[in-house]
Structures are given as C-alpha cells and as structure tokens.
Amino acid sequence: MHFIIVNTDKDDGIELRNQTREVHLDYLRGHGKDVKLHLAGPTPSEDGSRVTGSLIVVETDDIEKVRDFAADDPYSLAGLFTKVEIRPWNWTFGNPEGGH
C-alpha cells in the first residue's frame, strides 16, 4: 500500500532545514527495508520564495511503519515541522508499477 507524508515547516524553519538537510537526505537514501521510498521533495510557497514543507510517497504494508519512518526523519527529530500528516494513497496515474 502507498502512503503520502505531508510535512508543514515552521514559519521560521529555513535555517533549521538548511542545517539538517544533508543528514535528512542521507536518511532518505538509506531509508531502510520496511518502507520503500518512491518520491520526495520540498513544497515551495505559492510565489516560490520559501520552502513551506515537504511531500513524501512511500510504500509498505503497515501505517505504523510509515509513522515510525516519519518520526525518525532528521527533520522531524530536529523539530522542523509544525504538522505531519500521513494518509493512505491510491497511486493511479504515473505509477511505474502499473498505473495509467
């Protein structure tokens, strides 16, 4: 099953984001055996002037594994996010494994 993780940054979080970016990227690259990372990236503000959060798409058999994955993200551990939302997701279009 696929899940989306939608993270919302603190308004003043850019310095914290920049300080922890490399360890966050290393975490995503070596994300572990229980959760398969499909895509991830920052979400910009409407005018593109700042980062407002991030979107991550993962695949696993248990939402608890997704919760653990999100909680162990260095950005989460550093306190960057004001909100973390996890939802099941049906990947229909653009799915390389059989979508449209």
PDB file of N, CA and C in Angstrom:
ATOM      1  N   MET A   1       0.842  -1.172   0.000  1.00  0.00           N
ATOM      2  CA  MET A   1       0.000   0.000   0.000  1.00  0.00           C
ATOM      3  C   MET A   1       0.890   1.239   0.000  1.00  0.00           C
ATOM      4  N   HIS A   2       0.420   2.271  -0.690  1.00  0.00           N
ATOM      5  CA  HIS A   2       1.155   3.535  -0.728  1.00  0.00           C
ATOM      6  C   HIS A   2       0.595   4.499   0.314  1.00  0.00           C
ATOM      7  N   PHE A   3       1.476   5.380   0.775  1.00  0.00           N
ATOM      8  CA  PHE A   3       1.110   6.413   1.738  1.00  0.00           C
ATOM      9  C   PHE A   3       1.782   7.711   1.332  1.00  0.00           C
ATOM     10  N   ILE A   4       1.108   8.832   1.639  1.00  0.00           N
ATOM     11  CA  ILE A   4       1.756  10.130   1.488  1.00  0.00           C
ATOM     12  C   ILE A   4       2.025  10.691   2.873  1.00  0.00           C
ATOM     13  N   ILE A   5       3.154  11.359   2.974  1.00  0.00           N
ATOM     14  CA  ILE A   5       3.524  12.083   4.187  1.00  0.00           C
ATOM     15  C   ILE A   5       3.618  13.545   3.774  1.00  0.00           C
ATOM     16  N   VAL A   6       2.786  14.386   4.373  1.00  0.00           N
ATOM     17  CA  VAL A   6       2.796  15.816   4.081  1.00  0.00           C
ATOM     18  C   VAL A   6       3.274  16.527   5.342  1.00  0.00           C
ATOM     19  N   ASN A   7       4.445  17.143   5.247  1.00  0.00           N
ATOM     20  CA  ASN A   7       5.048  17.840   6.374  1.00  0.00           C
ATOM     21  C   ASN A   7       4.912  19.345   6.173  1.00  0.00           C
ATOM     22  N   THR A   8       4.576  20.056   7.235  1.00  0.00           N
ATOM     23  CA  THR A   8       4.493  21.512   7.199  1.00  0.00           C
ATOM     24  C   THR A   8       5.595  22.083   8.079  1.00  0.00           C
ATOM     25  N   ASP A   9       6.437  22.938   7.478  1.00  0.00           N
ATOM     26  CA  ASP A   9       7.545  23.549   8.212  1.00  0.00           C
ATOM     27  C   ASP A   9       7.062  24.658   9.145  1.00  0.00           C
ATOM     28  N   LYS A  10       7.853  24.911  10.188  1.00  0.00           N
ATOM     29  CA  LYS A  10       7.674  26.115  10.987  1.00  0.00           C
ATOM     30  C   LYS A  10       7.887  27.315  10.070  1.00  0.00           C
ATOM     31  N   ASP A  11       7.244  28.428  10.370  1.00  0.00           N
ATOM     32  CA  ASP A  11       7.418  29.626   9.548  1.00  0.00           C
ATOM     33  C   ASP A  11       8.868  30.087   9.496  1.00  0.00           C
ATOM     34  N   ASP A  12       9.591  29.911  10.584  1.00  0.00           N
ATOM     35  CA  ASP A  12      10.991  30.357  10.646  1.00  0.00           C
ATOM     36  C   ASP A  12      11.963  29.178  10.558  1.00  0.00           C
ATOM     37  N   GLY A  13      11.581  28.136   9.831  1.00  0.00           N
ATOM     38  CA  GLY A  13      12.352  26.897   9.835  1.00  0.00           C
ATOM     39  C   GLY A  13      13.457  26.774   8.811  1.00  0.00           C
ATOM     40  N   ILE A  14      13.679  27.770   7.962  1.00  0.00           N
ATOM     41  CA  ILE A  14      14.646  27.603   6.874  1.00  0.00           C
ATOM     42  C   ILE A  14      16.064  27.344   7.379  1.00  0.00           C
ATOM     43  N   GLU A  15      16.481  28.009   8.435  1.00  0.00           N
ATOM     44  CA  GLU A  15      17.832  27.776   8.957  1.00  0.00           C
ATOM     45  C   GLU A  15      17.967  26.347   9.487  1.00  0.00           C
ATOM     46  N   LEU A  16      16.967  25.890  10.223  1.00  0.00           N
ATOM     47  CA  LEU A  16      16.966  24.518  10.738  1.00  0.00           C
ATOM     48  C   LEU A  16      16.940  23.517   9.588  1.00  0.00           C
ATOM     49  N   ARG A  17      16.152  23.791   8.562  1.00  0.00           N
ATOM     50  CA  ARG A  17      16.097  22.929   7.375  1.00  0.00           C
ATOM     51  C   ARG A  17      17.477  22.850   6.726  1.00  0.00           C
ATOM     52  N   ASN A  18      18.112  23.984   6.546  1.00  0.00           N
ATOM     53  CA  ASN A  18      19.434  24.009   5.913  1.00  0.00           C
ATOM     54  C   ASN A  18      20.479  23.280   6.753  1.00  0.00           C
ATOM     55  N   GLN A  19      20.408  23.420   8.066  1.00  0.00           N
ATOM     56  CA  GLN A  19      21.375  22.778   8.960  1.00  0.00           C
ATOM     57  C   GLN A  19      21.254  21.258   8.956  1.00  0.00           C
ATOM     58  N   THR A  20      20.065  20.743   8.754  1.00  0.00           N
ATOM     59  CA  THR A  20      19.844  19.296   8.844  1.00  0.00           C
ATOM     60  C   THR A  20      19.606  18.641   7.486  1.00  0.00           C
ATOM     61  N   ARG A  21      19.740  19.406   6.413  1.00  0.00           N
ATOM     62  CA  ARG A  21      19.407  18.901   5.077  1.00  0.00           C
ATOM     63  C   ARG A  21      20.205  17.653   4.695  1.00  0.00           C
ATOM     64  N   GLU A  22      21.518  17.679   4.869  1.00  0.00           N
ATOM     65  CA  GLU A  22      22.350  16.547   4.435  1.00  0.00           C
ATOM     66  C   GLU A  22      22.025  15.265   5.193  1.00  0.00           C
ATOM     67  N   VAL A  23      21.832  15.368   6.498  1.00  0.00           N
ATOM     68  CA  VAL A  23      21.505  14.164   7.273  1.00  0.00           C
ATOM     69  C   VAL A  23      20.095  13.672   6.908  1.00  0.00           C
ATOM     70  N   HIS A  24      19.191  14.601   6.599  1.00  0.00           N
ATOM     71  CA  HIS A  24      17.852  14.224   6.124  1.00  0.00           C
ATOM     72  C   HIS A  24      17.945  13.474   4.799  1.00  0.00           C
ATOM     73  N   LEU A  25      18.738  13.996   3.859  1.00  0.00           N
ATOM     74  CA  LEU A  25      18.892  13.333   2.561  1.00  0.00           C
ATOM     75  C   LEU A  25      19.541  11.964   2.712  1.00  0.00           C
ATOM     76  N   ASP A  26      20.537  11.859   3.589  1.00  0.00           N
ATOM     77  CA  ASP A  26      21.157  10.554   3.861  1.00  0.00           C
ATOM     78  C   ASP A  26      20.126   9.572   4.420  1.00  0.00           C
ATOM     79  N   TYR A  27      19.264  10.063   5.290  1.00  0.00           N
ATOM     80  CA  TYR A  27      18.205   9.217   5.858  1.00  0.00           C
ATOM     81  C   TYR A  27      17.284   8.699   4.755  1.00  0.00           C
ATOM     82  N   LEU A  28      16.887   9.586   3.847  1.00  0.00           N
ATOM     83  CA  LEU A  28      16.006   9.162   2.756  1.00  0.00           C
ATOM     84  C   LEU A  28      16.699   8.171   1.830  1.00  0.00           C
ATOM     85  N   ARG A  29      17.978   8.392   1.558  1.00  0.00           N
ATOM     86  CA  ARG A  29      18.731   7.479   0.675  1.00  0.00           C
ATOM     87  C   ARG A  29      18.854   6.084   1.281  1.00  0.00           C
ATOM     88  N   GLY A  30      18.990   6.008   2.581  1.00  0.00           N
ATOM     89  CA  GLY A  30      19.152   4.718   3.263  1.00  0.00           C
ATOM     90  C   GLY A  30      17.957   4.402   4.129  1.00  0.00           C
ATOM     91  N   HIS A  31      16.781   4.645   3.608  1.00  0.00           N
ATOM     92  CA  HIS A  31      15.544   4.656   4.376  1.00  0.00           C
ATOM     93  C   HIS A  31      15.178   3.349   5.058  1.00  0.00           C
ATOM     94  N   GLY A  32      15.796   2.270   4.732  1.00  0.00           N
ATOM     95  CA  GLY A  32      15.517   1.037   5.454  1.00  0.00           C
ATOM     96  C   GLY A  32      14.738   0.025   4.647  1.00  0.00           C
ATOM     97  N   LYS A  33      14.590  -1.141   5.220  1.00  0.00           N
ATOM     98  CA  LYS A  33      13.999  -2.258   4.493  1.00  0.00           C
ATOM     99  C   LYS A  33      12.483  -2.331   4.609  1.00  0.00           C
ATOM    100  N   ASP A  34      11.901  -1.707   5.613  1.00  0.00           N
ATOM    101  CA  ASP A  34      10.463  -1.844   5.845  1.00  0.00           C
ATOM    102  C   ASP A  34       9.603  -0.856   5.067  1.00  0.00           C
ATOM    103  N   VAL A  35      10.215   0.223   4.581  1.00  0.00           N
ATOM    104  CA  VAL A  35       9.485   1.265   3.870  1.00  0.00           C
ATOM    105  C   VAL A  35      10.214   1.559   2.568  1.00  0.00           C
ATOM    106  N   LYS A  36       9.508   1.453   1.448  1.00  0.00           N
ATOM    107  CA  LYS A  36      10.095   1.752   0.142  1.00  0.00           C
ATOM    108  C   LYS A  36       9.764   3.197  -0.226  1.00  0.00           C
ATOM    109  N   LEU A  37      10.796   4.000  -0.415  1.00  0.00           N
ATOM    110  CA  LEU A  37      10.623   5.399  -0.802  1.00  0.00           C
ATOM    111  C   LEU A  37      10.424   5.488  -2.309  1.00  0.00           C
ATOM    112  N   HIS A  38       9.341   6.149  -2.736  1.00  0.00           N
ATOM    113  CA  HIS A  38       9.082   6.333  -4.166  1.00  0.00           C
ATOM    114  C   HIS A  38       9.472   7.725  -4.639  1.00  0.00           C
ATOM    115  N   LEU A  39       9.114   8.744  -3.887  1.00  0.00           N
ATOM    116  CA  LEU A  39       9.485  10.103  -4.267  1.00  0.00           C
ATOM    117  C   LEU A  39       9.402  11.009  -3.059  1.00  0.00           C
ATOM    118  N   ALA A  40      10.138  12.113  -3.149  1.00  0.00           N
ATOM    119  CA  ALA A  40      10.155  13.071  -2.049  1.00  0.00           C
ATOM    120  C   ALA A  40      10.669  14.403  -2.560  1.00  0.00           C
ATOM    121  N   GLY A  41      10.200  15.464  -1.946  1.00  0.00           N
ATOM    122  CA  GLY A  41      10.699  16.782  -2.303  1.00  0.00           C
ATOM    123  C   GLY A  41      10.039  17.868  -1.481  1.00  0.00           C
ATOM    124  N   PRO A  42      10.675  19.051  -1.481  1.00  0.00           N
ATOM    125  CA  PRO A  42      10.134  20.178  -0.732  1.00  0.00           C
ATOM    126  C   PRO A  42       8.943  20.804  -1.450  1.00  0.00           C
ATOM    127  N   THR A  43       8.074  21.434  -0.683  1.00  0.00           N
ATOM    128  CA  THR A  43       6.952  22.176  -1.246  1.00  0.00           C
ATOM    129  C   THR A  43       7.229  23.666  -1.072  1.00  0.00           C
ATOM    130  N   PRO A  44       7.263  24.416  -2.180  1.00  0.00           N
ATOM    131  CA  PRO A  44       7.525  25.854  -2.083  1.00  0.00           C
ATOM    132  C   PRO A  44       6.243  26.637  -1.788  1.00  0.00           C
ATOM    133  N   SER A  45       6.429  27.863  -1.344  1.00  0.00           N
ATOM    134  CA  SER A  45       5.291  28.772  -1.218  1.00  0.00           C
ATOM    135  C   SER A  45       4.758  29.085  -2.613  1.00  0.00           C
ATOM    136  N   GLU A  46       3.570  29.665  -2.691  1.00  0.00           N
ATOM    137  CA  GLU A  46       2.967  29.952  -3.990  1.00  0.00           C
ATOM    138  C   GLU A  46       3.846  30.845  -4.857  1.00  0.00           C
ATOM    139  N   ASP A  47       4.551  31.787  -4.243  1.00  0.00           N
ATOM    140  CA  ASP A  47       5.415  32.678  -5.028  1.00  0.00           C
ATOM    141  C   ASP A  47       6.830  32.123  -5.197  1.00  0.00           C
ATOM    142  N   GLY A  48       7.085  30.942  -4.624  1.00  0.00           N
ATOM    143  CA  GLY A  48       8.378  30.293  -4.771  1.00  0.00           C
ATOM    144  C   GLY A  48       9.498  30.883  -3.935  1.00  0.00           C
ATOM    145  N   SER A  49       9.169  31.770  -3.016  1.00  0.00           N
ATOM    146  CA  SER A  49      10.204  32.471  -2.261  1.00  0.00           C
ATOM    147  C   SER A  49      10.732  31.699  -1.057  1.00  0.00           C
ATOM    148  N   ARG A  50      10.020  30.657  -0.627  1.00  0.00           N
ATOM    149  CA  ARG A  50      10.464  29.908   0.551  1.00  0.00           C
ATOM    150  C   ARG A  50       9.905  28.490   0.507  1.00  0.00           C
ATOM    151  N   VAL A  51      10.489  27.634   1.316  1.00  0.00           N
ATOM    152  CA  VAL A  51      10.012  26.257   1.456  1.00  0.00           C
ATOM    153  C   VAL A  51       8.970  26.232   2.570  1.00  0.00           C
ATOM    154  N   THR A  52       7.852  25.579   2.301  1.00  0.00           N
ATOM    155  CA  THR A  52       6.773  25.503   3.292  1.00  0.00           C
ATOM    156  C   THR A  52       6.646  24.129   3.936  1.00  0.00           C
ATOM    157  N   GLY A  53       7.331  23.138   3.374  1.00  0.00           N
ATOM    158  CA  GLY A  53       7.238  21.787   3.901  1.00  0.00           C
ATOM    159  C   GLY A  53       7.760  20.786   2.898  1.00  0.00           C
ATOM    160  N   SER A  54       7.225  19.571   2.944  1.00  0.00           N
ATOM    161  CA  SER A  54       7.679  18.534   2.024  1.00  0.00           C
ATOM    162  C   SER A  54       6.591  17.489   1.820  1.00  0.00           C
ATOM    163  N   LEU A  55       6.739  16.756   0.725  1.00  0.00           N
ATOM    164  CA  LEU A  55       5.838  15.663   0.378  1.00  0.00           C
ATOM    165  C   LEU A  55       6.683  14.423   0.127  1.00  0.00           C
ATOM    166  N   ILE A  56       6.282  13.313   0.718  1.00  0.00           N
ATOM    167  CA  ILE A  56       6.992  12.050   0.561  1.00  0.00           C
ATOM    168  C   ILE A  56       5.963  10.970   0.231  1.00  0.00           C
ATOM    169  N   VAL A  57       6.277  10.125  -0.743  1.00  0.00           N
ATOM    170  CA  VAL A  57       5.428   8.981  -1.081  1.00  0.00           C
ATOM    171  C   VAL A  57       6.219   7.713  -0.786  1.00  0.00           C
ATOM    172  N   VAL A  58       5.639   6.848   0.038  1.00  0.00           N
ATOM    173  CA  VAL A  58       6.286   5.597   0.422  1.00  0.00           C
ATOM    174  C   VAL A  58       5.329   4.434   0.199  1.00  0.00           C
ATOM    175  N   GLU A  59       5.904   3.242   0.242  1.00  0.00           N
ATOM    176  CA  GLU A  59       5.113   2.019   0.124  1.00  0.00           C
ATOM    177  C   GLU A  59       5.526   1.058   1.231  1.00  0.00           C
ATOM    178  N   THR A  60       4.535   0.492   1.895  1.00  0.00           N
ATOM    179  CA  THR A  60       4.771  -0.509   2.924  1.00  0.00           C
ATOM    180  C   THR A  60       3.443  -1.198   3.242  1.00  0.00           C
ATOM    181  N   ASP A  61       3.488  -2.193   4.087  1.00  0.00           N
ATOM    182  CA  ASP A  61       2.278  -2.950   4.406  1.00  0.00           C
ATOM    183  C   ASP A  61       1.591  -2.503   5.692  1.00  0.00           C
ATOM    184  N   ASP A  62       2.133  -1.481   6.366  1.00  0.00           N
ATOM    185  CA  ASP A  62       1.609  -1.125   7.682  1.00  0.00           C
ATOM    186  C   ASP A  62       1.805   0.365   7.936  1.00  0.00           C
ATOM    187  N   ILE A  63       0.743   1.074   8.253  1.00  0.00           N
ATOM    188  CA  ILE A  63       0.837   2.513   8.502  1.00  0.00           C
ATOM    189  C   ILE A  63       1.739   2.823   9.695  1.00  0.00           C
ATOM    190  N   GLU A  64       1.863   1.899  10.642  1.00  0.00           N
ATOM    191  CA  GLU A  64       2.754   2.130  11.785  1.00  0.00           C
ATOM    192  C   GLU A  64       4.208   2.268  11.326  1.00  0.00           C
ATOM    193  N   LYS A  65       4.584   1.528  10.309  1.00  0.00           N
ATOM    194  CA  LYS A  65       5.935   1.654   9.755  1.00  0.00           C
ATOM    195  C   LYS A  65       6.136   3.035   9.150  1.00  0.00           C
ATOM    196  N   VAL A  66       5.088   3.572   8.544  1.00  0.00           N
ATOM    197  CA  VAL A  66       5.163   4.922   7.978  1.00  0.00           C
ATOM    198  C   VAL A  66       5.287   5.947   9.099  1.00  0.00           C
ATOM    199  N   ARG A  67       4.531   5.761  10.143  1.00  0.00           N
ATOM    200  CA  ARG A  67       4.623   6.679  11.293  1.00  0.00           C
ATOM    201  C   ARG A  67       6.023   6.665  11.888  1.00  0.00           C
ATOM    202  N   ASP A  68       6.608   5.478  12.024  1.00  0.00           N
ATOM    203  CA  ASP A  68       7.977   5.374  12.541  1.00  0.00           C
ATOM    204  C   ASP A  68       8.969   6.038  11.593  1.00  0.00           C
ATOM    205  N   PHE A  69       8.808   5.792  10.296  1.00  0.00           N
ATOM    206  CA  PHE A  69       9.670   6.394   9.282  1.00  0.00           C
ATOM    207  C   PHE A  69       9.611   7.916   9.373  1.00  0.00           C
ATOM    208  N   ALA A  70       8.416   8.474   9.470  1.00  0.00           N
ATOM    209  CA  ALA A  70       8.255   9.926   9.551  1.00  0.00           C
ATOM    210  C   ALA A  70       8.830  10.477  10.854  1.00  0.00           C
ATOM    211  N   ALA A  71       8.614   9.782  11.953  1.00  0.00           N
ATOM    212  CA  ALA A  71       9.103  10.249  13.252  1.00  0.00           C
ATOM    213  C   ALA A  71      10.619  10.224  13.337  1.00  0.00           C
ATOM    214  N   ASP A  72      11.254   9.284  12.640  1.00  0.00           N
ATOM    215  CA  ASP A  72      12.710   9.152  12.681  1.00  0.00           C
ATOM    216  C   ASP A  72      13.431  10.026  11.659  1.00  0.00           C
ATOM    217  N   ASP A  73      12.693  10.713  10.810  1.00  0.00           N
ATOM    218  CA  ASP A  73      13.294  11.635   9.843  1.00  0.00           C
ATOM    219  C   ASP A  73      14.051  12.716  10.618  1.00  0.00           C
ATOM    220  N   PRO A  74      15.298  12.983  10.268  1.00  0.00           N
ATOM    221  CA  PRO A  74      16.063  14.014  10.968  1.00  0.00           C
ATOM    222  C   PRO A  74      15.374  15.377  11.022  1.00  0.00           C
ATOM    223  N   TYR A  75      14.618  15.727  10.007  1.00  0.00           N
ATOM    224  CA  TYR A  75      13.854  16.975  10.067  1.00  0.00           C
ATOM    225  C   TYR A  75      12.842  16.928  11.212  1.00  0.00           C
ATOM    226  N   SER A  76      12.158  15.808  11.368  1.00  0.00           N
ATOM    227  CA  SER A  76      11.202  15.661  12.475  1.00  0.00           C
ATOM    228  C   SER A  76      11.918  15.704  13.815  1.00  0.00           C
ATOM    229  N   LEU A  77      13.024  14.972  13.912  1.00  0.00           N
ATOM    230  CA  LEU A  77      13.775  14.927  15.168  1.00  0.00           C
ATOM    231  C   LEU A  77      14.320  16.296  15.559  1.00  0.00           C
ATOM    232  N   ALA A  78      14.617  17.131  14.564  1.00  0.00           N
ATOM    233  CA  ALA A  78      15.138  18.481  14.826  1.00  0.00           C
ATOM    234  C   ALA A  78      14.031  19.467  15.184  1.00  0.00           C
ATOM    235  N   GLY A  79      12.778  19.063  15.020  1.00  0.00           N
ATOM    236  CA  GLY A  79      11.665  19.945  15.351  1.00  0.00           C
ATOM    237  C   GLY A  79      11.280  20.911  14.244  1.00  0.00           C
ATOM    238  N   LEU A  80      11.588  20.571  12.992  1.00  0.00           N
ATOM    239  CA  LEU A  80      11.295  21.459  11.863  1.00  0.00           C
ATOM    240  C   LEU A  80       9.802  21.587  11.575  1.00  0.00           C
ATOM    241  N   PHE A  81       9.041  20.539  11.808  1.00  0.00           N
ATOM    242  CA  PHE A  81       7.656  20.517  11.355  1.00  0.00           C
ATOM    243  C   PHE A  81       6.666  20.950  12.436  1.00  0.00           C
ATOM    244  N   THR A  82       5.663  21.702  12.002  1.00  0.00           N
ATOM    245  CA  THR A  82       4.537  22.022  12.885  1.00  0.00           C
ATOM    246  C   THR A  82       3.429  20.995  12.730  1.00  0.00           C
ATOM    247  N   LYS A  83       3.444  20.291  11.595  1.00  0.00           N
ATOM    248  CA  LYS A  83       2.400  19.305  11.325  1.00  0.00           C
ATOM    249  C   LYS A  83       2.959  18.215  10.425  1.00  0.00           C
ATOM    250  N   VAL A  84       2.619  16.975  10.732  1.00  0.00           N
ATOM    251  CA  VAL A  84       2.951  15.826   9.890  1.00  0.00           C
ATOM    252  C   VAL A  84       1.653  15.065   9.659  1.00  0.00           C
ATOM    253  N   GLU A  85       1.273  14.957   8.397  1.00  0.00           N
ATOM    254  CA  GLU A  85       0.035  14.268   8.044  1.00  0.00           C
ATOM    255  C   GLU A  85       0.379  13.032   7.217  1.00  0.00           C
ATOM    256  N   ILE A  86      -0.151  11.890   7.611  1.00  0.00           N
ATOM    257  CA  ILE A  86       0.086  10.627   6.911  1.00  0.00           C
ATOM    258  C   ILE A  86      -1.264  10.084   6.462  1.00  0.00           C
ATOM    259  N   ARG A  87      -1.331   9.769   5.164  1.00  0.00           N
ATOM    260  CA  ARG A  87      -2.587   9.244   4.618  1.00  0.00           C
ATOM    261  C   ARG A  87      -2.307   8.102   3.657  1.00  0.00           C
ATOM    262  N   PRO A  88      -3.164   7.072   3.642  1.00  0.00           N
ATOM    263  CA  PRO A  88      -3.082   6.071   2.577  1.00  0.00           C
ATOM    264  C   PRO A  88      -3.355   6.765   1.244  1.00  0.00           C
ATOM    265  N   TRP A  89      -2.764   6.222   0.180  1.00  0.00           N
ATOM    266  CA  TRP A  89      -2.879   6.864  -1.129  1.00  0.00           C
ATOM    267  C   TRP A  89      -2.943   5.801  -2.213  1.00  0.00           C
ATOM    268  N   ASN A  90      -3.887   5.939  -3.121  1.00  0.00           N
ATOM    269  CA  ASN A  90      -4.000   5.055  -4.274  1.00  0.00           C
ATOM    270  C   ASN A  90      -3.306   5.712  -5.459  1.00  0.00           C
ATOM    271  N   TRP A  91      -2.149   5.210  -5.815  1.00  0.00           N
ATOM    272  CA  TRP A  91      -1.353   5.776  -6.901  1.00  0.00           C
ATOM    273  C   TRP A  91      -1.923   5.263  -8.215  1.00  0.00           C
ATOM    274  N   THR A  92      -2.659   6.102  -8.916  1.00  0.00           N
ATOM    275  CA  THR A  92      -3.343   5.703 -10.137  1.00  0.00           C
ATOM    276  C   THR A  92      -2.571   6.125 -11.377  1.00  0.00           C
ATOM    277  N   PHE A  93      -2.345   7.407 -11.552  1.00  0.00           N
ATOM    278  CA  PHE A  93      -1.664   7.911 -12.747  1.00  0.00           C
ATOM    279  C   PHE A  93      -0.176   8.085 -12.485  1.00  0.00           C
ATOM    280  N   GLY A  94       0.634   7.671 -13.453  1.00  0.00           N
ATOM    281  CA  GLY A  94       2.073   7.819 -13.345  1.00  0.00           C
ATOM    282  C   GLY A  94       2.770   6.756 -12.521  1.00  0.00           C
ATOM    283  N   ASN A  95       2.043   5.784 -12.046  1.00  0.00           N
ATOM    284  CA  ASN A  95       2.641   4.717 -11.253  1.00  0.00           C
ATOM    285  C   ASN A  95       3.460   3.822 -12.181  1.00  0.00           C
ATOM    286  N   PRO A  96       4.779   3.759 -11.973  1.00  0.00           N
ATOM    287  CA  PRO A  96       5.613   2.945 -12.856  1.00  0.00           C
ATOM    288  C   PRO A  96       5.355   1.447 -12.733  1.00  0.00           C
ATOM    289  N   GLU A  97       4.607   1.057 -11.718  1.00  0.00           N
ATOM    290  CA  GLU A  97       4.348  -0.364 -11.495  1.00  0.00           C
ATOM    291  C   GLU A  97       2.947  -0.776 -11.936  1.00  0.00           C
ATOM    292  N   GLY A  98       2.341  -0.021 -12.863  1.00  0.00           N
ATOM    293  CA  GLY A  98       1.075  -0.491 -13.396  1.00  0.00           C
ATOM    294  C   GLY A  98      -0.072   0.484 -13.396  1.00  0.00           C
ATOM    295  N   GLY A  99       0.166   1.741 -13.126  1.00  0.00           N
ATOM    296  CA  GLY A  99      -0.908   2.726 -13.206  1.00  0.00           C
ATOM    297  C   GLY A  99      -1.135   3.143 -14.643  1.00  0.00           C
ATOM    298  N   HIS A 100      -1.869   4.193 -14.837  1.00  0.00           N
ATOM    299  CA  HIS A 100      -2.180   4.713 -16.172  1.00  0.00           C
ATOM    300  C   HIS A 100      -1.068   5.599 -16.691  1.00  0.00           C
TER     301      HIS A 100
END
